[in-house]
Amino acid sequence: MALGPGSGEATIQLDVGSQFRHTWLSGHRVAMTPLSELIPAGATVDLLKIDIEGAEYEVLKSASAETLQRVHRIVLEFHPNAPQDEAIGPLTSNGFRMRRYQDDGEGNGLGWFDKEHV
């Protein structure tokens, strides 16, 4: 299953050297689910690690405030296919603040986020 901006189907390249990159264009078909369905209503998540090879931008933009309120901490891997602000914006507008940032160069990096009350 792939995490994505909505329910449905996605494609993932599973070829050697692909690093399981989500392509939306070709590859093996898999079921896709949004973050709101991955985290059931009423459940809370202490730590959510997001390492989804560039799909983090669409997933976070499509995540509802209600879903993000149920998450306490996030470790997010960034990829160079979009400005990092596109992933950070939905988090900061929902009460998260970046505690640590690791720049791995060429648009890649890691961010550690949590909320004030955690």
Protein backbone atom coordinates (compact mmCIF):
# COMPACT_ATOMS: atom_id res chain seq x y z
CA MET A 1 0.00 0.00 0.00
CA ALA A 2 1.15 3.54 -0.71
CA LEU A 3 0.48 6.63 1.35
CA GLY A 4 -0.90 9.34 -0.92
CA PRO A 5 -3.17 12.37 -1.16
CA GLY A 6 -6.34 10.29 -1.43
CA SER A 7 -7.86 6.84 -1.68
CA GLY A 8 -7.41 4.87 -4.86
CA GLU A 9 -4.49 3.42 -6.70
CA ALA A 10 -0.90 4.48 -7.30
CA THR A 11 2.09 3.05 -9.07
CA ILE A 12 5.46 2.35 -7.56
CA GLN A 13 8.63 1.49 -9.44
CA LEU A 14 10.12 -1.65 -7.98
CA ASP A 15 13.00 -1.95 -10.44
CA VAL A 16 16.59 -2.22 -9.30
CA GLY A 17 17.93 1.26 -8.54
CA SER A 18 14.51 2.85 -8.20
CA GLN A 19 14.66 3.14 -4.39
CA PHE A 20 10.93 2.32 -4.50
CA ARG A 21 10.22 5.77 -5.92
CA HIS A 22 6.59 6.68 -6.28
CA THR A 23 6.08 7.62 -9.90
CA TRP A 24 2.34 7.97 -10.58
CA LEU A 25 3.37 7.17 -14.16
CA SER A 26 4.50 3.57 -14.40
CA GLY A 27 5.38 0.55 -12.33
CA HIS A 28 3.41 -1.81 -10.14
CA ARG A 29 -0.10 -0.87 -9.11
CA VAL A 30 -0.77 -0.69 -5.39
CA ALA A 31 -3.64 0.52 -3.23
CA MET A 32 -3.26 4.11 -2.03
CA THR A 33 -4.61 5.59 1.19
CA PRO A 34 -4.50 9.09 2.69
CA LEU A 35 -3.04 9.86 6.11
CA SER A 36 -6.57 10.33 7.52
CA GLU A 37 -7.37 6.67 6.79
CA LEU A 38 -4.02 5.42 8.03
CA ILE A 39 -4.59 7.08 11.42
CA PRO A 40 -8.06 6.01 12.57
CA ALA A 41 -10.39 8.55 14.17
CA GLY A 42 -9.79 8.72 17.91
CA ALA A 43 -6.26 7.32 17.66
CA THR A 44 -3.17 9.35 18.46
CA VAL A 45 0.33 8.87 17.09
CA ASP A 46 3.34 9.67 19.24
CA LEU A 47 5.86 9.59 16.36
CA LEU A 48 5.15 9.53 12.63
CA LYS A 49 8.14 8.99 10.34
CA ILE A 50 7.53 10.04 6.76
CA ASP A 51 10.03 8.75 4.21
CA ILE A 52 8.00 8.33 1.03
CA GLU A 53 10.41 9.36 -1.71
CA GLY A 54 8.93 12.68 -2.74
CA ALA A 55 5.25 11.94 -2.09
CA GLU A 56 5.48 13.78 1.26
CA TYR A 57 4.45 17.06 -0.34
CA GLU A 58 1.11 15.81 -1.65
CA VAL A 59 0.41 13.76 1.47
CA LEU A 60 0.96 16.68 3.85
CA LYS A 61 -0.91 19.19 1.68
CA SER A 62 -3.92 16.88 1.61
CA ALA A 63 -3.84 16.01 5.34
CA SER A 64 -6.65 17.58 7.33
CA ALA A 65 -6.02 19.67 10.42
CA GLU A 66 -8.03 17.09 12.36
CA THR A 67 -5.68 14.31 11.27
CA LEU A 68 -2.53 16.31 12.03
CA GLN A 69 -3.89 17.21 15.48
CA ARG A 70 -3.72 13.51 16.39
CA VAL A 71 0.03 13.36 15.69
CA HIS A 72 2.49 14.52 18.36
CA ARG A 73 5.86 14.30 16.59
CA ILE A 74 6.97 13.91 12.97
CA VAL A 75 10.32 13.02 11.43
CA LEU A 76 10.14 14.01 7.78
CA GLU A 77 12.55 13.19 4.98
CA PHE A 78 12.63 15.84 2.25
CA HIS A 79 13.31 15.25 -1.43
CA PRO A 80 14.27 17.76 -4.13
CA ASN A 81 11.10 17.50 -6.24
CA ALA A 82 9.47 20.54 -4.55
CA PRO A 83 10.45 23.42 -2.25
CA GLN A 84 10.71 22.19 1.34
CA ASP A 85 8.27 24.91 2.43
CA GLU A 86 5.52 22.94 0.68
CA ALA A 87 5.96 20.17 3.27
CA ILE A 88 6.79 22.41 6.23
CA GLY A 89 3.87 24.82 5.70
CA PRO A 90 1.07 22.34 6.47
CA LEU A 91 2.91 21.31 9.63
CA THR A 92 3.65 24.78 10.99
CA SER A 93 0.11 25.96 10.24
CA ASN A 94 -1.14 23.05 12.36
CA GLY A 95 0.94 23.77 15.45
CA PHE A 96 4.17 21.95 14.69
CA ARG A 97 7.55 23.58 14.98
CA MET A 98 10.81 22.35 13.57
CA ARG A 99 13.15 21.29 16.35
CA ARG A 100 16.01 20.13 14.18
CA TYR A 101 16.97 20.17 10.52
CA GLN A 102 19.58 18.14 8.70
CA ASP A 103 20.58 19.35 5.22
CA ASP A 104 21.82 16.42 3.15
CA GLY A 105 22.44 18.60 0.09
CA GLU A 106 20.78 18.94 -3.30
CA GLY A 107 17.33 19.47 -1.76
CA ASN A 108 17.44 16.37 0.44
CA GLY A 109 17.22 16.50 4.20
CA LEU A 110 15.47 15.56 7.42
CA GLY A 111 13.27 17.63 9.70
CA TRP A 112 12.19 16.85 13.25
CA PHE A 113 8.87 18.43 14.24
CA ASP A 114 6.80 18.49 17.38
CA LYS A 115 4.10 20.55 19.01
CA GLU A 116 4.54 23.03 21.82
CA HIS A 117 2.58 20.94 24.31
CA VAL A 118 4.54 17.71 23.71
